[in-house]
Amino acid sequence: MKVPVRSHVLRELSGLQDRLKELFHNVVRRNQRQNLISHSSFVPLTNMYNRSDKLVYEVELPGLDRNDLEVTLDGSTLSVQGERKFSRDEKKGKCLWKESFHGAFSTSFVLPEWVDPDSIRARYWNGVLCIEVNKKSWAQPRRIPISSPSPAALSNAA
């Protein structure tokens, strides 16, 4: 014998399932943030652009001095390391809430084989470290000319 189930019970179960999912996601996000904070002071945000002639990495590092940064190349691994120093400014008052990260950081990128590691240039301006790596000539797009056959070649083909 089949027992009828009222639709409001199913809605309540569905709502409970949604609340459990949200709770689970909040716990996971909180744990990920705590792991990030405990393992590394921060991981800088990076944008990478593929231009026709080069790769461009833009690493966001607001509030850092250029002298606190180091860019290195080891084989095909491009690394950016540095340290954001914590400054206690008594004029600001007692810190009640802190979300900014301080301390050492490092981030790395594996360069593709089609870039020229000898062409790496880095500049830091307005809180953004811009690293440019030229592509090798064979990896750059190029236009292929299209020729027309001569009239003699057309008559021989027929």
C-alpha atoms as a PDB file:
ATOM      1  CA  MET A   1       0.000   0.000   0.000  1.00  0.00           C
ATOM      2  CA  LYS A   2       1.328   3.384  -1.031  1.00  0.00           C
ATOM      3  CA  VAL A   3       1.317   6.107   1.606  1.00  0.00           C
ATOM      4  CA  PRO A   4       0.418   9.526   0.207  1.00  0.00           C
ATOM      5  CA  VAL A   5       2.954  12.251   0.969  1.00  0.00           C
ATOM      6  CA  ARG A   6       1.778  15.798   1.177  1.00  0.00           C
ATOM      7  CA  SER A   7       3.619  18.247  -1.066  1.00  0.00           C
ATOM      8  CA  HIS A   8       4.406  20.631   1.818  1.00  0.00           C
ATOM      9  CA  VAL A   9       6.521  17.880   3.449  1.00  0.00           C
ATOM     10  CA  LEU A  10       8.561  17.582   0.256  1.00  0.00           C
ATOM     11  CA  ARG A  11       9.005  21.357   0.142  1.00  0.00           C
ATOM     12  CA  GLU A  12      10.200  21.350   3.749  1.00  0.00           C
ATOM     13  CA  LEU A  13      12.678  18.566   2.990  1.00  0.00           C
ATOM     14  CA  SER A  14      13.911  20.455  -0.054  1.00  0.00           C
ATOM     15  CA  GLY A  15      14.329  23.628   2.040  1.00  0.00           C
ATOM     16  CA  LEU A  16      16.229  21.649   4.681  1.00  0.00           C
ATOM     17  CA  GLN A  17      18.485  20.221   1.970  1.00  0.00           C
ATOM     18  CA  ASP A  18      19.188  23.745   0.660  1.00  0.00           C
ATOM     19  CA  ARG A  19      20.055  24.990   4.174  1.00  0.00           C
ATOM     20  CA  LEU A  20      22.396  22.019   4.727  1.00  0.00           C
ATOM     21  CA  LYS A  21      24.161  22.721   1.411  1.00  0.00           C
ATOM     22  CA  GLU A  22      24.604  26.380   2.361  1.00  0.00           C
ATOM     23  CA  LEU A  23      25.952  25.422   5.791  1.00  0.00           C
ATOM     24  CA  PHE A  24      28.402  22.960   4.207  1.00  0.00           C
ATOM     25  CA  HIS A  25      29.629  25.550   1.683  1.00  0.00           C
ATOM     26  CA  ASN A  26      30.101  28.159   4.419  1.00  0.00           C
ATOM     27  CA  VAL A  27      32.181  25.711   6.492  1.00  0.00           C
ATOM     28  CA  VAL A  28      34.308  24.785   3.465  1.00  0.00           C
ATOM     29  CA  ARG A  29      34.861  28.459   2.549  1.00  0.00           C
ATOM     30  CA  ARG A  30      35.798  29.334   6.129  1.00  0.00           C
ATOM     31  CA  ASN A  31      38.271  26.408   6.270  1.00  0.00           C
ATOM     32  CA  GLN A  32      39.810  27.392   2.937  1.00  0.00           C
ATOM     33  CA  ARG A  33      40.287  30.970   4.147  1.00  0.00           C
ATOM     34  CA  GLN A  34      41.811  29.795   7.439  1.00  0.00           C
ATOM     35  CA  ASN A  35      44.172  27.454   5.556  1.00  0.00           C
ATOM     36  CA  LEU A  36      45.159  30.304   3.247  1.00  0.00           C
ATOM     37  CA  ILE A  37      45.866  32.566   6.203  1.00  0.00           C
ATOM     38  CA  SER A  38      47.790  29.933   8.148  1.00  0.00           C
ATOM     39  CA  HIS A  39      49.915  28.658   5.238  1.00  0.00           C
ATOM     40  CA  SER A  40      50.649  31.926   3.513  1.00  0.00           C
ATOM     41  CA  SER A  41      50.127  35.515   4.399  1.00  0.00           C
ATOM     42  CA  PHE A  42      48.441  36.110   1.075  1.00  0.00           C
ATOM     43  CA  VAL A  43      48.436  35.041  -2.545  1.00  0.00           C
ATOM     44  CA  PRO A  44      48.445  38.022  -4.888  1.00  0.00           C
ATOM     45  CA  LEU A  45      45.778  38.194  -7.574  1.00  0.00           C
ATOM     46  CA  THR A  46      47.183  37.776 -11.072  1.00  0.00           C
ATOM     47  CA  ASN A  47      45.802  38.446 -14.539  1.00  0.00           C
ATOM     48  CA  MET A  48      47.526  36.901 -17.575  1.00  0.00           C
ATOM     49  CA  TYR A  49      47.092  38.185 -21.116  1.00  0.00           C
ATOM     50  CA  ASN A  50      48.065  36.445 -24.341  1.00  0.00           C
ATOM     51  CA  ARG A  51      48.944  39.130 -26.869  1.00  0.00           C
ATOM     52  CA  SER A  52      50.066  38.441 -30.413  1.00  0.00           C
ATOM     53  CA  ASP A  53      53.740  39.019 -29.582  1.00  0.00           C
ATOM     54  CA  LYS A  54      54.003  38.374 -25.815  1.00  0.00           C
ATOM     55  CA  LEU A  55      52.526  37.019 -22.603  1.00  0.00           C
ATOM     56  CA  VAL A  56      51.771  39.619 -19.954  1.00  0.00           C
ATOM     57  CA  TYR A  57      51.359  38.844 -16.246  1.00  0.00           C
ATOM     58  CA  GLU A  58      49.843  41.541 -14.035  1.00  0.00           C
ATOM     59  CA  VAL A  59      50.309  40.782 -10.338  1.00  0.00           C
ATOM     60  CA  GLU A  60      48.299  42.981  -7.974  1.00  0.00           C
ATOM     61  CA  LEU A  61      50.469  44.050  -5.024  1.00  0.00           C
ATOM     62  CA  PRO A  62      48.998  47.243  -3.590  1.00  0.00           C
ATOM     63  CA  GLY A  63      50.896  48.973  -0.839  1.00  0.00           C
ATOM     64  CA  LEU A  64      54.235  47.312  -1.535  1.00  0.00           C
ATOM     65  CA  ASP A  65      57.468  49.044  -2.331  1.00  0.00           C
ATOM     66  CA  ARG A  66      59.355  47.918  -5.437  1.00  0.00           C
ATOM     67  CA  ASN A  67      62.327  47.048  -3.222  1.00  0.00           C
ATOM     68  CA  ASP A  68      60.190  44.509  -1.316  1.00  0.00           C
ATOM     69  CA  LEU A  69      59.669  42.428  -4.497  1.00  0.00           C
ATOM     70  CA  GLU A  70      61.836  39.865  -6.250  1.00  0.00           C
ATOM     71  CA  VAL A  71      61.228  38.239  -9.643  1.00  0.00           C
ATOM     72  CA  THR A  72      63.264  35.134 -10.492  1.00  0.00           C
ATOM     73  CA  LEU A  73      63.451  32.569 -13.270  1.00  0.00           C
ATOM     74  CA  ASP A  74      64.495  28.990 -12.506  1.00  0.00           C
ATOM     75  CA  GLY A  75      64.348  26.842 -15.615  1.00  0.00           C
ATOM     76  CA  SER A  76      60.883  27.562 -16.966  1.00  0.00           C
ATOM     77  CA  THR A  77      59.414  28.641 -13.605  1.00  0.00           C
ATOM     78  CA  LEU A  78      58.857  32.356 -13.176  1.00  0.00           C
ATOM     79  CA  SER A  79      58.440  33.300  -9.509  1.00  0.00           C
ATOM     80  CA  VAL A  80      57.434  36.447  -7.699  1.00  0.00           C
ATOM     81  CA  GLN A  81      58.226  36.725  -4.023  1.00  0.00           C
ATOM     82  CA  GLY A  82      58.166  39.485  -1.511  1.00  0.00           C
ATOM     83  CA  GLU A  83      56.901  40.674   1.792  1.00  0.00           C
ATOM     84  CA  ARG A  84      54.169  43.022   2.848  1.00  0.00           C
ATOM     85  CA  LYS A  85      55.352  44.594   6.069  1.00  0.00           C
ATOM     86  CA  PHE A  86      52.953  45.432   8.852  1.00  0.00           C
ATOM     87  CA  SER A  87      53.276  48.983  10.057  1.00  0.00           C
ATOM     88  CA  ARG A  88      51.751  50.112  13.316  1.00  0.00           C
ATOM     89  CA  ASP A  89      50.631  53.639  12.829  1.00  0.00           C
ATOM     90  CA  GLU A  90      49.627  54.958  16.218  1.00  0.00           C
ATOM     91  CA  LYS A  91      47.905  57.911  14.536  1.00  0.00           C
ATOM     92  CA  LYS A  92      45.335  55.550  13.010  1.00  0.00           C
ATOM     93  CA  GLY A  93      44.305  54.250  16.426  1.00  0.00           C
ATOM     94  CA  LYS A  94      43.717  50.727  17.680  1.00  0.00           C
ATOM     95  CA  CYS A  95      42.889  48.232  14.936  1.00  0.00           C
ATOM     96  CA  LEU A  96      39.409  46.794  15.509  1.00  0.00           C
ATOM     97  CA  TRP A  97      39.037  44.799  12.295  1.00  0.00           C
ATOM     98  CA  LYS A  98      41.782  43.553   9.988  1.00  0.00           C
ATOM     99  CA  GLU A  99      41.297  41.896   6.613  1.00  0.00           C
ATOM    100  CA  SER A 100      44.518  42.882   4.881  1.00  0.00           C
ATOM    101  CA  PHE A 101      47.329  40.337   4.813  1.00  0.00           C
ATOM    102  CA  HIS A 102      50.905  40.931   5.861  1.00  0.00           C
ATOM    103  CA  GLY A 103      54.016  38.812   5.678  1.00  0.00           C
ATOM    104  CA  ALA A 104      55.929  36.874   3.072  1.00  0.00           C
ATOM    105  CA  PHE A 105      54.306  35.658  -0.136  1.00  0.00           C
ATOM    106  CA  SER A 106      55.285  33.752  -3.243  1.00  0.00           C
ATOM    107  CA  THR A 107      53.558  32.837  -6.467  1.00  0.00           C
ATOM    108  CA  SER A 108      54.927  30.980  -9.510  1.00  0.00           C
ATOM    109  CA  PHE A 109      54.075  30.404 -13.154  1.00  0.00           C
ATOM    110  CA  VAL A 110      55.418  27.801 -15.555  1.00  0.00           C
ATOM    111  CA  LEU A 111      56.346  29.526 -18.801  1.00  0.00           C
ATOM    112  CA  PRO A 112      55.295  27.796 -22.011  1.00  0.00           C
ATOM    113  CA  GLU A 113      58.028  26.617 -24.372  1.00  0.00           C
ATOM    114  CA  TRP A 114      56.985  29.124 -27.023  1.00  0.00           C
ATOM    115  CA  VAL A 115      58.169  32.182 -25.077  1.00  0.00           C
ATOM    116  CA  ASP A 116      61.678  33.604 -24.940  1.00  0.00           C
ATOM    117  CA  PRO A 117      62.901  33.529 -21.312  1.00  0.00           C
ATOM    118  CA  ASP A 118      65.727  35.955 -22.175  1.00  0.00           C
ATOM    119  CA  SER A 119      63.182  38.652 -23.031  1.00  0.00           C
ATOM    120  CA  ILE A 120      61.536  38.938 -19.599  1.00  0.00           C
ATOM    121  CA  ARG A 121      60.921  42.517 -18.461  1.00  0.00           C
ATOM    122  CA  ALA A 122      59.309  43.530 -15.173  1.00  0.00           C
ATOM    123  CA  ARG A 123      58.048  46.915 -14.032  1.00  0.00           C
ATOM    124  CA  TYR A 124      56.111  47.979 -10.978  1.00  0.00           C
ATOM    125  CA  TRP A 125      53.744  50.908 -11.023  1.00  0.00           C
ATOM    126  CA  ASN A 126      50.678  51.920  -9.038  1.00  0.00           C
ATOM    127  CA  GLY A 127      50.520  48.659  -7.075  1.00  0.00           C
ATOM    128  CA  VAL A 128      50.724  46.350 -10.114  1.00  0.00           C
ATOM    129  CA  LEU A 129      53.778  44.302 -11.084  1.00  0.00           C
ATOM    130  CA  CYS A 130      53.721  43.872 -14.861  1.00  0.00           C
ATOM    131  CA  ILE A 131      55.897  41.077 -16.291  1.00  0.00           C
ATOM    132  CA  GLU A 132      56.193  40.772 -20.071  1.00  0.00           C
ATOM    133  CA  VAL A 133      57.678  37.779 -21.886  1.00  0.00           C
ATOM    134  CA  ASN A 134      58.082  37.921 -25.669  1.00  0.00           C
ATOM    135  CA  LYS A 135      56.949  35.005 -27.767  1.00  0.00           C
ATOM    136  CA  LYS A 136      59.494  33.272 -29.974  1.00  0.00           C
ATOM    137  CA  SER A 137      59.212  34.341 -33.588  1.00  0.00           C
ATOM    138  CA  TRP A 138      57.813  30.972 -34.716  1.00  0.00           C
ATOM    139  CA  ALA A 139      55.012  31.239 -32.108  1.00  0.00           C
ATOM    140  CA  GLN A 140      53.808  34.660 -33.221  1.00  0.00           C
ATOM    141  CA  PRO A 141      50.887  34.780 -35.612  1.00  0.00           C
ATOM    142  CA  ARG A 142      51.759  35.770 -39.127  1.00  0.00           C
ATOM    143  CA  ARG A 143      49.811  36.448 -42.248  1.00  0.00           C
ATOM    144  CA  ILE A 144      50.222  33.979 -45.100  1.00  0.00           C
ATOM    145  CA  PRO A 145      50.065  35.609 -48.553  1.00  0.00           C
ATOM    146  CA  ILE A 146      47.647  34.102 -51.037  1.00  0.00           C
ATOM    147  CA  SER A 147      48.815  34.022 -54.621  1.00  0.00           C
ATOM    148  CA  SER A 148      46.838  33.659 -57.810  1.00  0.00           C
ATOM    149  CA  PRO A 149      47.949  31.151 -60.400  1.00  0.00           C
ATOM    150  CA  SER A 150      49.284  32.509 -63.631  1.00  0.00           C
ATOM    151  CA  PRO A 151      47.139  32.168 -66.769  1.00  0.00           C
ATOM    152  CA  ALA A 152      49.645  29.660 -68.167  1.00  0.00           C
ATOM    153  CA  ALA A 153      49.330  27.451 -65.089  1.00  0.00           C
ATOM    154  CA  LEU A 154      45.536  27.538 -65.413  1.00  0.00           C
ATOM    155  CA  SER A 155      45.657  26.440 -69.054  1.00  0.00           C
ATOM    156  CA  ASN A 156      48.072  23.598 -68.226  1.00  0.00           C
ATOM    157  CA  ALA A 157      45.780  22.382 -65.442  1.00  0.00           C
ATOM    158  CA  ALA A 158      42.847  22.063 -67.813  1.00  0.00           C
END
